[in-house]
Amino acid sequence: MKYMLLIWNRPGFVEELSEEERTAIFGGVDQIMKELTESGELVGGEALAHPSQTRTVQSRAGGVEITDGPFVESKEQFAGYLMVDCETPERAAEIAASWPDVQRGFGVLEVRPVMAEAGTEM
């Protein structure tokens, strides 16, 4: 089963960390990515650009409106994702719980099953 792990954190938090803290976080990410690659569970993943580069497109008053910035009004923003292929939702949550942003209290990972190509069945 494939799971999308959505990474949410506060933009700019990394710049506020000490060099030691940044090294620990990025080292932790590298370690998790290595382990997931070796286990065959990693499907892919990417970091996203700063939210200031976002455009939100939505229907408004009979037309379409395009605005700068993310849709969500919150301090935490969607920062990136991992796609994993693992046996259980518990394993996907275990991977998310080991993510350095979560471990150090800088972010949240949302674990969501990916729908099969056939439709809403998973």
PDB file of N, CA and C in Angstrom:
ATOM      1  N   MET A   1       0.839  -1.175   0.000  1.00  0.00           N
ATOM      2  CA  MET A   1       0.000   0.000   0.000  1.00  0.00           C
ATOM      3  C   MET A   1       0.888   1.243   0.000  1.00  0.00           C
ATOM      4  N   LYS A   2       0.536   2.215  -0.821  1.00  0.00           N
ATOM      5  CA  LYS A   2       1.301   3.458  -0.867  1.00  0.00           C
ATOM      6  C   LYS A   2       0.676   4.491   0.070  1.00  0.00           C
ATOM      7  N   TYR A   3       1.559   5.242   0.725  1.00  0.00           N
ATOM      8  CA  TYR A   3       1.152   6.297   1.636  1.00  0.00           C
ATOM      9  C   TYR A   3       1.921   7.565   1.291  1.00  0.00           C
ATOM     10  N   MET A   4       1.209   8.682   1.306  1.00  0.00           N
ATOM     11  CA  MET A   4       1.830   9.985   1.140  1.00  0.00           C
ATOM     12  C   MET A   4       2.040  10.547   2.535  1.00  0.00           C
ATOM     13  N   LEU A   5       3.273  10.918   2.844  1.00  0.00           N
ATOM     14  CA  LEU A   5       3.582  11.547   4.120  1.00  0.00           C
ATOM     15  C   LEU A   5       3.787  13.028   3.828  1.00  0.00           C
ATOM     16  N   LEU A   6       2.821  13.839   4.227  1.00  0.00           N
ATOM     17  CA  LEU A   6       2.836  15.268   3.950  1.00  0.00           C
ATOM     18  C   LEU A   6       3.565  15.985   5.080  1.00  0.00           C
ATOM     19  N   ILE A   7       4.588  16.732   4.727  1.00  0.00           N
ATOM     20  CA  ILE A   7       5.438  17.409   5.713  1.00  0.00           C
ATOM     21  C   ILE A   7       4.940  18.843   5.888  1.00  0.00           C
ATOM     22  N   TRP A   8       4.579  19.191   7.116  1.00  0.00           N
ATOM     23  CA  TRP A   8       4.120  20.536   7.449  1.00  0.00           C
ATOM     24  C   TRP A   8       5.079  21.133   8.472  1.00  0.00           C
ATOM     25  N   ASN A   9       5.567  22.331   8.193  1.00  0.00           N
ATOM     26  CA  ASN A   9       6.370  23.040   9.182  1.00  0.00           C
ATOM     27  C   ASN A   9       6.292  24.545   8.922  1.00  0.00           C
ATOM     28  N   ARG A  10       6.920  25.284   9.802  1.00  0.00           N
ATOM     29  CA  ARG A  10       6.886  26.745   9.704  1.00  0.00           C
ATOM     30  C   ARG A  10       7.996  27.216   8.776  1.00  0.00           C
ATOM     31  N   PRO A  11       7.660  27.913   7.695  1.00  0.00           N
ATOM     32  CA  PRO A  11       8.693  28.403   6.787  1.00  0.00           C
ATOM     33  C   PRO A  11       9.738  29.226   7.533  1.00  0.00           C
ATOM     34  N   GLY A  12      10.991  29.006   7.221  1.00  0.00           N
ATOM     35  CA  GLY A  12      12.079  29.775   7.806  1.00  0.00           C
ATOM     36  C   GLY A  12      12.634  29.224   9.100  1.00  0.00           C
ATOM     37  N   PHE A  13      12.031  28.166   9.644  1.00  0.00           N
ATOM     38  CA  PHE A  13      12.508  27.677  10.942  1.00  0.00           C
ATOM     39  C   PHE A  13      13.954  27.180  10.866  1.00  0.00           C
ATOM     40  N   VAL A  14      14.365  26.642   9.734  1.00  0.00           N
ATOM     41  CA  VAL A  14      15.721  26.089   9.604  1.00  0.00           C
ATOM     42  C   VAL A  14      16.768  27.193   9.762  1.00  0.00           C
ATOM     43  N   GLU A  15      16.487  28.373   9.227  1.00  0.00           N
ATOM     44  CA  GLU A  15      17.432  29.481   9.324  1.00  0.00           C
ATOM     45  C   GLU A  15      17.626  29.956  10.759  1.00  0.00           C
ATOM     46  N   GLU A  16      16.672  29.651  11.627  1.00  0.00           N
ATOM     47  CA  GLU A  16      16.745  30.064  13.026  1.00  0.00           C
ATOM     48  C   GLU A  16      17.549  29.087  13.885  1.00  0.00           C
ATOM     49  N   LEU A  17      17.906  27.939  13.321  1.00  0.00           N
ATOM     50  CA  LEU A  17      18.605  26.903  14.082  1.00  0.00           C
ATOM     51  C   LEU A  17      20.107  27.135  14.059  1.00  0.00           C
ATOM     52  N   SER A  18      20.774  26.569  15.046  1.00  0.00           N
ATOM     53  CA  SER A  18      22.234  26.598  15.047  1.00  0.00           C
ATOM     54  C   SER A  18      22.754  25.649  13.964  1.00  0.00           C
ATOM     55  N   GLU A  19      23.993  25.807  13.607  1.00  0.00           N
ATOM     56  CA  GLU A  19      24.613  24.916  12.622  1.00  0.00           C
ATOM     57  C   GLU A  19      24.542  23.464  13.103  1.00  0.00           C
ATOM     58  N   GLU A  20      24.737  23.250  14.384  1.00  0.00           N
ATOM     59  CA  GLU A  20      24.670  21.903  14.966  1.00  0.00           C
ATOM     60  C   GLU A  20      23.265  21.303  14.811  1.00  0.00           C
ATOM     61  N   GLU A  21      22.249  22.122  15.083  1.00  0.00           N
ATOM     62  CA  GLU A  21      20.869  21.644  14.947  1.00  0.00           C
ATOM     63  C   GLU A  21      20.524  21.330  13.492  1.00  0.00           C
ATOM     64  N   ARG A  22      20.952  22.200  12.572  1.00  0.00           N
ATOM     65  CA  ARG A  22      20.698  21.954  11.145  1.00  0.00           C
ATOM     66  C   ARG A  22      21.384  20.670  10.688  1.00  0.00           C
ATOM     67  N   THR A  23      22.623  20.485  11.110  1.00  0.00           N
ATOM     68  CA  THR A  23      23.365  19.284  10.740  1.00  0.00           C
ATOM     69  C   THR A  23      22.647  18.043  11.263  1.00  0.00           C
ATOM     70  N   ALA A  24      22.140  18.110  12.484  1.00  0.00           N
ATOM     71  CA  ALA A  24      21.429  16.964  13.074  1.00  0.00           C
ATOM     72  C   ALA A  24      20.143  16.667  12.298  1.00  0.00           C
ATOM     73  N   ILE A  25      19.384  17.697  11.966  1.00  0.00           N
ATOM     74  CA  ILE A  25      18.127  17.484  11.231  1.00  0.00           C
ATOM     75  C   ILE A  25      18.411  16.905   9.847  1.00  0.00           C
ATOM     76  N   PHE A  26      19.296  17.529   9.096  1.00  0.00           N
ATOM     77  CA  PHE A  26      19.561  17.049   7.736  1.00  0.00           C
ATOM     78  C   PHE A  26      20.242  15.680   7.740  1.00  0.00           C
ATOM     79  N   GLY A  27      21.059  15.425   8.764  1.00  0.00           N
ATOM     80  CA  GLY A  27      21.651  14.095   8.911  1.00  0.00           C
ATOM     81  C   GLY A  27      20.584  13.048   9.194  1.00  0.00           C
ATOM     82  N   GLY A  28      19.606  13.414  10.011  1.00  0.00           N
ATOM     83  CA  GLY A  28      18.506  12.500  10.304  1.00  0.00           C
ATOM     84  C   GLY A  28      17.670  12.201   9.073  1.00  0.00           C
ATOM     85  N   VAL A  29      17.402  13.227   8.279  1.00  0.00           N
ATOM     86  CA  VAL A  29      16.656  13.030   7.029  1.00  0.00           C
ATOM     87  C   VAL A  29      17.438  12.107   6.101  1.00  0.00           C
ATOM     88  N   ASP A  30      18.738  12.371   5.952  1.00  0.00           N
ATOM     89  CA  ASP A  30      19.582  11.517   5.096  1.00  0.00           C
ATOM     90  C   ASP A  30      19.534  10.065   5.552  1.00  0.00           C
ATOM     91  N   GLN A  31      19.579   9.843   6.862  1.00  0.00           N
ATOM     92  CA  GLN A  31      19.564   8.483   7.404  1.00  0.00           C
ATOM     93  C   GLN A  31      18.240   7.777   7.103  1.00  0.00           C
ATOM     94  N   ILE A  32      17.128   8.482   7.320  1.00  0.00           N
ATOM     95  CA  ILE A  32      15.820   7.892   7.030  1.00  0.00           C
ATOM     96  C   ILE A  32      15.698   7.568   5.547  1.00  0.00           C
ATOM     97  N   MET A  33      16.114   8.487   4.692  1.00  0.00           N
ATOM     98  CA  MET A  33      16.020   8.258   3.242  1.00  0.00           C
ATOM     99  C   MET A  33      16.864   7.049   2.830  1.00  0.00           C
ATOM    100  N   LYS A  34      18.040   6.910   3.429  1.00  0.00           N
ATOM    101  CA  LYS A  34      18.901   5.754   3.143  1.00  0.00           C
ATOM    102  C   LYS A  34      18.213   4.460   3.564  1.00  0.00           C
ATOM    103  N   GLU A  35      17.661   4.449   4.780  1.00  0.00           N
ATOM    104  CA  GLU A  35      16.989   3.246   5.288  1.00  0.00           C
ATOM    105  C   GLU A  35      15.781   2.873   4.430  1.00  0.00           C
ATOM    106  N   LEU A  36      14.986   3.870   4.038  1.00  0.00           N
ATOM    107  CA  LEU A  36      13.802   3.597   3.221  1.00  0.00           C
ATOM    108  C   LEU A  36      14.188   3.129   1.821  1.00  0.00           C
ATOM    109  N   THR A  37      15.277   3.653   1.288  1.00  0.00           N
ATOM    110  CA  THR A  37      15.769   3.200  -0.015  1.00  0.00           C
ATOM    111  C   THR A  37      16.226   1.753   0.083  1.00  0.00           C
ATOM    112  N   GLU A  38      16.988   1.440   1.125  1.00  0.00           N
ATOM    113  CA  GLU A  38      17.497   0.076   1.301  1.00  0.00           C
ATOM    114  C   GLU A  38      16.372  -0.929   1.538  1.00  0.00           C
ATOM    115  N   SER A  39      15.318  -0.515   2.241  1.00  0.00           N
ATOM    116  CA  SER A  39      14.208  -1.428   2.523  1.00  0.00           C
ATOM    117  C   SER A  39      13.251  -1.549   1.338  1.00  0.00           C
ATOM    118  N   GLY A  40      13.409  -0.670   0.349  1.00  0.00           N
ATOM    119  CA  GLY A  40      12.520  -0.669  -0.804  1.00  0.00           C
ATOM    120  C   GLY A  40      11.205   0.043  -0.564  1.00  0.00           C
ATOM    121  N   GLU A  41      11.063   0.719   0.580  1.00  0.00           N
ATOM    122  CA  GLU A  41       9.809   1.391   0.907  1.00  0.00           C
ATOM    123  C   GLU A  41       9.703   2.795   0.304  1.00  0.00           C
ATOM    124  N   LEU A  42      10.826   3.400  -0.065  1.00  0.00           N
ATOM    125  CA  LEU A  42      10.791   4.756  -0.610  1.00  0.00           C
ATOM    126  C   LEU A  42      10.347   4.731  -2.057  1.00  0.00           C
ATOM    127  N   VAL A  43       9.278   5.454  -2.355  1.00  0.00           N
ATOM    128  CA  VAL A  43       8.804   5.609  -3.727  1.00  0.00           C
ATOM    129  C   VAL A  43       9.341   6.921  -4.292  1.00  0.00           C
ATOM    130  N   GLY A  44       9.343   7.975  -3.492  1.00  0.00           N
ATOM    131  CA  GLY A  44       9.849   9.274  -3.923  1.00  0.00           C
ATOM    132  C   GLY A  44       9.541  10.332  -2.901  1.00  0.00           C
ATOM    133  N   GLY A  45       9.890  11.560  -3.233  1.00  0.00           N
ATOM    134  CA  GLY A  45       9.619  12.677  -2.348  1.00  0.00           C
ATOM    135  C   GLY A  45      10.377  13.911  -2.793  1.00  0.00           C
ATOM    136  N   GLU A  46       9.878  15.042  -2.396  1.00  0.00           N
ATOM    137  CA  GLU A  46      10.498  16.321  -2.749  1.00  0.00           C
ATOM    138  C   GLU A  46      10.186  17.358  -1.682  1.00  0.00           C
ATOM    139  N   ALA A  47      11.098  18.300  -1.525  1.00  0.00           N
ATOM    140  CA  ALA A  47      10.818  19.494  -0.730  1.00  0.00           C
ATOM    141  C   ALA A  47      10.113  20.485  -1.656  1.00  0.00           C
ATOM    142  N   LEU A  48       9.348  21.388  -1.085  1.00  0.00           N
ATOM    143  CA  LEU A  48       8.664  22.398  -1.876  1.00  0.00           C
ATOM    144  C   LEU A  48       9.309  23.764  -1.660  1.00  0.00           C
ATOM    145  N   ALA A  49       9.155  24.632  -2.647  1.00  0.00           N
ATOM    146  CA  ALA A  49       9.665  26.000  -2.552  1.00  0.00           C
ATOM    147  C   ALA A  49       8.943  26.749  -1.433  1.00  0.00           C
ATOM    148  N   HIS A  50       9.486  27.867  -1.034  1.00  0.00           N
ATOM    149  CA  HIS A  50       8.909  28.708   0.010  1.00  0.00           C
ATOM    150  C   HIS A  50       7.462  29.065  -0.349  1.00  0.00           C
ATOM    151  N   PRO A  51       6.555  29.114   0.640  1.00  0.00           N
ATOM    152  CA  PRO A  51       5.149  29.434   0.371  1.00  0.00           C
ATOM    153  C   PRO A  51       4.939  30.748  -0.381  1.00  0.00           C
ATOM    154  N   SER A  52       5.881  31.672  -0.294  1.00  0.00           N
ATOM    155  CA  SER A  52       5.732  32.941  -1.017  1.00  0.00           C
ATOM    156  C   SER A  52       5.730  32.731  -2.534  1.00  0.00           C
ATOM    157  N   GLN A  53       6.186  31.571  -2.979  1.00  0.00           N
ATOM    158  CA  GLN A  53       6.198  31.247  -4.407  1.00  0.00           C
ATOM    159  C   GLN A  53       4.901  30.572  -4.864  1.00  0.00           C
ATOM    160  N   THR A  54       3.967  30.388  -3.931  1.00  0.00           N
ATOM    161  CA  THR A  54       2.719  29.674  -4.194  1.00  0.00           C
ATOM    162  C   THR A  54       1.703  30.573  -4.895  1.00  0.00           C
ATOM    163  N   ARG A  55       0.896  29.970  -5.735  1.00  0.00           N
ATOM    164  CA  ARG A  55      -0.277  30.607  -6.327  1.00  0.00           C
ATOM    165  C   ARG A  55      -1.463  29.709  -6.004  1.00  0.00           C
ATOM    166  N   THR A  56      -2.552  30.298  -5.552  1.00  0.00           N
ATOM    167  CA  THR A  56      -3.758  29.537  -5.242  1.00  0.00           C
ATOM    168  C   THR A  56      -4.815  29.896  -6.275  1.00  0.00           C
ATOM    169  N   VAL A  57      -5.413  28.862  -6.856  1.00  0.00           N
ATOM    170  CA  VAL A  57      -6.428  29.033  -7.893  1.00  0.00           C
ATOM    171  C   VAL A  57      -7.744  28.483  -7.343  1.00  0.00           C
ATOM    172  N   GLN A  58      -8.778  29.317  -7.353  1.00  0.00           N
ATOM    173  CA  GLN A  58     -10.064  28.883  -6.819  1.00  0.00           C
ATOM    174  C   GLN A  58     -11.210  29.595  -7.522  1.00  0.00           C
ATOM    175  N   SER A  59     -12.384  29.008  -7.419  1.00  0.00           N
ATOM    176  CA  SER A  59     -13.590  29.581  -8.007  1.00  0.00           C
ATOM    177  C   SER A  59     -14.120  30.672  -7.087  1.00  0.00           C
ATOM    178  N   ARG A  60     -14.429  31.813  -7.679  1.00  0.00           N
ATOM    179  CA  ARG A  60     -14.988  32.937  -6.923  1.00  0.00           C
ATOM    180  C   ARG A  60     -16.014  33.669  -7.783  1.00  0.00           C
ATOM    181  N   ALA A  61     -17.214  33.838  -7.265  1.00  0.00           N
ATOM    182  CA  ALA A  61     -18.253  34.652  -7.910  1.00  0.00           C
ATOM    183  C   ALA A  61     -18.352  34.405  -9.412  1.00  0.00           C
ATOM    184  N   GLY A  62     -18.490  33.152  -9.798  1.00  0.00           N
ATOM    185  CA  GLY A  62     -18.689  32.826 -11.198  1.00  0.00           C
ATOM    186  C   GLY A  62     -17.437  32.832 -12.049  1.00  0.00           C
ATOM    187  N   GLY A  63     -16.305  33.058 -11.465  1.00  0.00           N
ATOM    188  CA  GLY A  63     -15.054  33.072 -12.216  1.00  0.00           C
ATOM    189  C   GLY A  63     -13.961  32.374 -11.445  1.00  0.00           C
ATOM    190  N   VAL A  64     -12.794  32.463 -11.973  1.00  0.00           N
ATOM    191  CA  VAL A  64     -11.633  31.857 -11.318  1.00  0.00           C
ATOM    192  C   VAL A  64     -10.721  32.968 -10.834  1.00  0.00           C
ATOM    193  N   GLU A  65     -10.278  32.841  -9.591  1.00  0.00           N
ATOM    194  CA  GLU A  65      -9.391  33.831  -8.992  1.00  0.00           C
ATOM    195  C   GLU A  65      -8.039  33.183  -8.720  1.00  0.00           C
ATOM    196  N   ILE A  66      -6.983  33.863  -9.076  1.00  0.00           N
ATOM    197  CA  ILE A  66      -5.620  33.398  -8.806  1.00  0.00           C
ATOM    198  C   ILE A  66      -4.987  34.409  -7.867  1.00  0.00           C
ATOM    199  N   THR A  67      -4.562  33.906  -6.702  1.00  0.00           N
ATOM    200  CA  THR A  67      -3.961  34.793  -5.711  1.00  0.00           C
ATOM    201  C   THR A  67      -2.565  34.299  -5.349  1.00  0.00           C
ATOM    202  N   ASP A  68      -1.753  35.211  -4.846  1.00  0.00           N
ATOM    203  CA  ASP A  68      -0.422  34.852  -4.375  1.00  0.00           C
ATOM    204  C   ASP A  68      -0.538  34.191  -3.010  1.00  0.00           C
ATOM    205  N   GLY A  69       0.331  33.229  -2.766  1.00  0.00           N
ATOM    206  CA  GLY A  69       0.411  32.600  -1.460  1.00  0.00           C
ATOM    207  C   GLY A  69      -0.452  31.372  -1.328  1.00  0.00           C
ATOM    208  N   PRO A  70      -0.217  30.627  -0.253  1.00  0.00           N
ATOM    209  CA  PRO A  70      -0.986  29.400  -0.015  1.00  0.00           C
ATOM    210  C   PRO A  70      -2.404  29.714   0.430  1.00  0.00           C
ATOM    211  N   PHE A  71      -3.269  28.763   0.237  1.00  0.00           N
ATOM    212  CA  PHE A  71      -4.674  28.907   0.609  1.00  0.00           C
ATOM    213  C   PHE A  71      -4.854  28.933   2.118  1.00  0.00           C
ATOM    214  N   VAL A  72      -4.121  28.086   2.825  1.00  0.00           N
ATOM    215  CA  VAL A  72      -4.288  27.927   4.264  1.00  0.00           C
ATOM    216  C   VAL A  72      -3.711  29.123   5.011  1.00  0.00           C
ATOM    217  N   GLU A  73      -4.492  29.654   5.930  1.00  0.00           N
ATOM    218  CA  GLU A  73      -4.031  30.744   6.795  1.00  0.00           C
ATOM    219  C   GLU A  73      -3.531  30.138   8.104  1.00  0.00           C
ATOM    220  N   SER A  74      -2.267  29.777   8.142  1.00  0.00           N
ATOM    221  CA  SER A  74      -1.683  29.224   9.362  1.00  0.00           C
ATOM    222  C   SER A  74      -0.186  29.448   9.339  1.00  0.00           C
ATOM    223  N   LYS A  75       0.445  29.257  10.470  1.00  0.00           N
ATOM    224  CA  LYS A  75       1.895  29.409  10.540  1.00  0.00           C
ATOM    225  C   LYS A  75       2.601  28.257   9.857  1.00  0.00           C
ATOM    226  N   GLU A  76       2.052  27.043   9.989  1.00  0.00           N
ATOM    227  CA  GLU A  76       2.648  25.876   9.356  1.00  0.00           C
ATOM    228  C   GLU A  76       2.153  25.773   7.925  1.00  0.00           C
ATOM    229  N   GLN A  77       3.049  25.410   7.020  1.00  0.00           N
ATOM    230  CA  GLN A  77       2.699  25.282   5.616  1.00  0.00           C
ATOM    231  C   GLN A  77       3.185  23.942   5.089  1.00  0.00           C
ATOM    232  N   PHE A  78       2.570  23.483   4.015  1.00  0.00           N
ATOM    233  CA  PHE A  78       2.960  22.252   3.347  1.00  0.00           C
ATOM    234  C   PHE A  78       4.359  22.460   2.780  1.00  0.00           C
ATOM    235  N   ALA A  79       5.329  21.701   3.273  1.00  0.00           N
ATOM    236  CA  ALA A  79       6.733  21.930   2.936  1.00  0.00           C
ATOM    237  C   ALA A  79       7.329  20.873   2.013  1.00  0.00           C
ATOM    238  N   GLY A  80       6.707  19.723   1.913  1.00  0.00           N
ATOM    239  CA  GLY A  80       7.232  18.659   1.071  1.00  0.00           C
ATOM    240  C   GLY A  80       6.493  17.371   1.345  1.00  0.00           C
ATOM    241  N   TYR A  81       6.967  16.311   0.710  1.00  0.00           N
ATOM    242  CA  TYR A  81       6.286  15.033   0.879  1.00  0.00           C
ATOM    243  C   TYR A  81       7.248  13.877   0.657  1.00  0.00           C
ATOM    244  N   LEU A  82       6.866  12.743   1.193  1.00  0.00           N
ATOM    245  CA  LEU A  82       7.499  11.459   0.907  1.00  0.00           C
ATOM    246  C   LEU A  82       6.401  10.538   0.438  1.00  0.00           C
ATOM    247  N   MET A  83       6.710   9.695  -0.498  1.00  0.00           N
ATOM    248  CA  MET A  83       5.783   8.639  -0.895  1.00  0.00           C
ATOM    249  C   MET A  83       6.460   7.346  -0.504  1.00  0.00           C
ATOM    250  N   VAL A  84       5.781   6.555   0.317  1.00  0.00           N
ATOM    251  CA  VAL A  84       6.324   5.274   0.752  1.00  0.00           C
ATOM    252  C   VAL A  84       5.359   4.164   0.370  1.00  0.00           C
ATOM    253  N   ASP A  85       5.901   2.987   0.213  1.00  0.00           N
ATOM    254  CA  ASP A  85       5.103   1.798  -0.091  1.00  0.00           C
ATOM    255  C   ASP A  85       5.412   0.802   1.008  1.00  0.00           C
ATOM    256  N   CYS A  86       4.471   0.638   1.935  1.00  0.00           N
ATOM    257  CA  CYS A  86       4.703  -0.256   3.065  1.00  0.00           C
ATOM    258  C   CYS A  86       3.452  -1.080   3.340  1.00  0.00           C
ATOM    259  N   GLU A  87       3.604  -2.072   4.173  1.00  0.00           N
ATOM    260  CA  GLU A  87       2.558  -3.062   4.399  1.00  0.00           C
ATOM    261  C   GLU A  87       1.345  -2.554   5.175  1.00  0.00           C
ATOM    262  N   THR A  88       1.563  -1.645   6.129  1.00  0.00           N
ATOM    263  CA  THR A  88       0.472  -1.249   7.013  1.00  0.00           C
ATOM    264  C   THR A  88       0.474   0.258   7.260  1.00  0.00           C
ATOM    265  N   PRO A  89      -0.682   0.796   7.646  1.00  0.00           N
ATOM    266  CA  PRO A  89      -0.707   2.212   8.022  1.00  0.00           C
ATOM    267  C   PRO A  89       0.129   2.478   9.274  1.00  0.00           C
ATOM    268  N   GLU A  90       0.258   1.480  10.112  1.00  0.00           N
ATOM    269  CA  GLU A  90       1.093   1.633  11.313  1.00  0.00           C
ATOM    270  C   GLU A  90       2.556   1.846  10.938  1.00  0.00           C
ATOM    271  N   ARG A  91       3.034   1.112   9.916  1.00  0.00           N
ATOM    272  CA  ARG A  91       4.413   1.290   9.461  1.00  0.00           C
ATOM    273  C   ARG A  91       4.592   2.686   8.874  1.00  0.00           C
ATOM    274  N   ALA A  92       3.626   3.162   8.101  1.00  0.00           N
ATOM    275  CA  ALA A  92       3.719   4.510   7.534  1.00  0.00           C
ATOM    276  C   ALA A  92       3.783   5.555   8.654  1.00  0.00           C
ATOM    277  N   ALA A  93       2.967   5.370   9.700  1.00  0.00           N
ATOM    278  CA  ALA A  93       2.986   6.290  10.841  1.00  0.00           C
ATOM    279  C   ALA A  93       4.306   6.198  11.600  1.00  0.00           C
ATOM    280  N   GLU A  94       4.873   5.012  11.668  1.00  0.00           N
ATOM    281  CA  GLU A  94       6.185   4.825  12.320  1.00  0.00           C
ATOM    282  C   GLU A  94       7.264   5.614  11.575  1.00  0.00           C
ATOM    283  N   ILE A  95       7.232   5.562  10.254  1.00  0.00           N
ATOM    284  CA  ILE A  95       8.191   6.328   9.453  1.00  0.00           C
ATOM    285  C   ILE A  95       8.003   7.817   9.717  1.00  0.00           C
ATOM    286  N   ALA A  96       6.754   8.281   9.699  1.00  0.00           N
ATOM    287  CA  ALA A  96       6.466   9.694   9.954  1.00  0.00           C
ATOM    288  C   ALA A  96       6.947  10.121  11.341  1.00  0.00           C
ATOM    289  N   ALA A  97       6.754   9.254  12.327  1.00  0.00           N
ATOM    290  CA  ALA A  97       7.157   9.577  13.702  1.00  0.00           C
ATOM    291  C   ALA A  97       8.665   9.699  13.844  1.00  0.00           C
ATOM    292  N   SER A  98       9.417   9.069  12.948  1.00  0.00           N
ATOM    293  CA  SER A  98      10.874   9.135  13.032  1.00  0.00           C
ATOM    294  C   SER A  98      11.459  10.344  12.298  1.00  0.00           C
ATOM    295  N   TRP A  99      10.641  11.088  11.586  1.00  0.00           N
ATOM    296  CA  TRP A  99      11.111  12.241  10.810  1.00  0.00           C
ATOM    297  C   TRP A  99      11.658  13.305  11.760  1.00  0.00           C
ATOM    298  N   PRO A 100      12.837  13.872  11.484  1.00  0.00           N
ATOM    299  CA  PRO A 100      13.459  14.832  12.400  1.00  0.00           C
ATOM    300  C   PRO A 100      12.591  16.040  12.756  1.00  0.00           C
ATOM    301  N   ASP A 101      11.810  16.564  11.826  1.00  0.00           N
ATOM    302  CA  ASP A 101      10.943  17.706  12.154  1.00  0.00           C
ATOM    303  C   ASP A 101       9.964  17.339  13.256  1.00  0.00           C
ATOM    304  N   VAL A 102       9.460  16.117  13.226  1.00  0.00           N
ATOM    305  CA  VAL A 102       8.530  15.644  14.249  1.00  0.00           C
ATOM    306  C   VAL A 102       9.286  15.401  15.550  1.00  0.00           C
ATOM    307  N   GLN A 103      10.391  14.679  15.458  1.00  0.00           N
ATOM    308  CA  GLN A 103      11.175  14.341  16.639  1.00  0.00           C
ATOM    309  C   GLN A 103      11.613  15.577  17.430  1.00  0.00           C
ATOM    310  N   ARG A 104      11.923  16.660  16.727  1.00  0.00           N
ATOM    311  CA  ARG A 104      12.430  17.865  17.377  1.00  0.00           C
ATOM    312  C   ARG A 104      11.372  18.940  17.599  1.00  0.00           C
ATOM    313  N   GLY A 105      10.111  18.623  17.279  1.00  0.00           N
ATOM    314  CA  GLY A 105       9.022  19.548  17.539  1.00  0.00           C
ATOM    315  C   GLY A 105       8.917  20.712  16.565  1.00  0.00           C
ATOM    316  N   PHE A 106       9.509  20.598  15.373  1.00  0.00           N
ATOM    317  CA  PHE A 106       9.460  21.686  14.395  1.00  0.00           C
ATOM    318  C   PHE A 106       8.359  21.520  13.363  1.00  0.00           C
ATOM    319  N   GLY A 107       7.737  20.358  13.310  1.00  0.00           N
ATOM    320  CA  GLY A 107       6.746  20.147  12.269  1.00  0.00           C
ATOM    321  C   GLY A 107       5.856  18.956  12.546  1.00  0.00           C
ATOM    322  N   VAL A 108       4.979  18.706  11.588  1.00  0.00           N
ATOM    323  CA  VAL A 108       3.989  17.645  11.653  1.00  0.00           C
ATOM    324  C   VAL A 108       4.017  16.906  10.330  1.00  0.00           C
ATOM    325  N   LEU A 109       3.858  15.589  10.360  1.00  0.00           N
ATOM    326  CA  LEU A 109       3.685  14.816   9.134  1.00  0.00           C
ATOM    327  C   LEU A 109       2.296  14.206   9.139  1.00  0.00           C
ATOM    328  N   GLU A 110       1.595  14.403   8.055  1.00  0.00           N
ATOM    329  CA  GLU A 110       0.276  13.824   7.857  1.00  0.00           C
ATOM    330  C   GLU A 110       0.455  12.567   7.020  1.00  0.00           C
ATOM    331  N   VAL A 111      -0.116  11.453   7.449  1.00  0.00           N
ATOM    332  CA  VAL A 111      -0.005  10.177   6.744  1.00  0.00           C
ATOM    333  C   VAL A 111      -1.337   9.901   6.065  1.00  0.00           C
ATOM    334  N   ARG A 112      -1.297   9.797   4.734  1.00  0.00           N
ATOM    335  CA  ARG A 112      -2.546   9.597   3.995  1.00  0.00           C
ATOM    336  C   ARG A 112      -2.375   8.499   2.951  1.00  0.00           C
ATOM    337  N   PRO A 113      -3.265   7.506   2.955  1.00  0.00           N
ATOM    338  CA  PRO A 113      -3.198   6.461   1.923  1.00  0.00           C
ATOM    339  C   PRO A 113      -3.435   7.073   0.538  1.00  0.00           C
ATOM    340  N   VAL A 114      -2.784   6.505  -0.446  1.00  0.00           N
ATOM    341  CA  VAL A 114      -2.959   6.934  -1.827  1.00  0.00           C
ATOM    342  C   VAL A 114      -4.002   6.035  -2.479  1.00  0.00           C
ATOM    343  N   MET A 115      -4.970   6.637  -3.155  1.00  0.00           N
ATOM    344  CA  MET A 115      -6.009   5.866  -3.813  1.00  0.00           C
ATOM    345  C   MET A 115      -5.426   5.075  -4.973  1.00  0.00           C
ATOM    346  N   ALA A 116      -5.992   3.908  -5.195  1.00  0.00           N
ATOM    347  CA  ALA A 116      -5.587   3.078  -6.331  1.00  0.00           C
ATOM    348  C   ALA A 116      -6.030   3.758  -7.609  1.00  0.00           C
ATOM    349  N   GLU A 117      -5.365   3.439  -8.706  1.00  0.00           N
ATOM    350  CA  GLU A 117      -5.710   4.029  -9.993  1.00  0.00           C
ATOM    351  C   GLU A 117      -7.146   3.741 -10.399  1.00  0.00           C
ATOM    352  N   ALA A 118      -7.737   2.685  -9.875  1.00  0.00           N
ATOM    353  CA  ALA A 118      -9.089   2.285 -10.231  1.00  0.00           C
ATOM    354  C   ALA A 118     -10.150   3.207  -9.639  1.00  0.00           C
ATOM    355  N   GLY A 119      -9.792   4.013  -8.661  1.00  0.00           N
ATOM    356  CA  GLY A 119     -10.780   4.898  -8.066  1.00  0.00           C
ATOM    357  C   GLY A 119     -10.542   5.084  -6.590  1.00  0.00           C
ATOM    358  N   THR A 120     -11.644   5.162  -5.831  1.00  0.00           N
ATOM    359  CA  THR A 120     -11.534   5.478  -4.423  1.00  0.00           C
ATOM    360  C   THR A 120     -11.149   4.307  -3.548  1.00  0.00           C
ATOM    361  N   GLU A 121     -11.165   3.100  -4.099  1.00  0.00           N
ATOM    362  CA  GLU A 121     -10.776   1.934  -3.296  1.00  0.00           C
ATOM    363  C   GLU A 121      -9.273   1.964  -3.058  1.00  0.00           C
ATOM    364  N   MET A 122      -8.869   1.562  -1.848  1.00  0.00           N
ATOM    365  CA  MET A 122      -7.462   1.563  -1.524  1.00  0.00           C
ATOM    366  C   MET A 122      -6.965   0.153  -1.337  1.00  0.00           C
TER     367      MET A 122
END
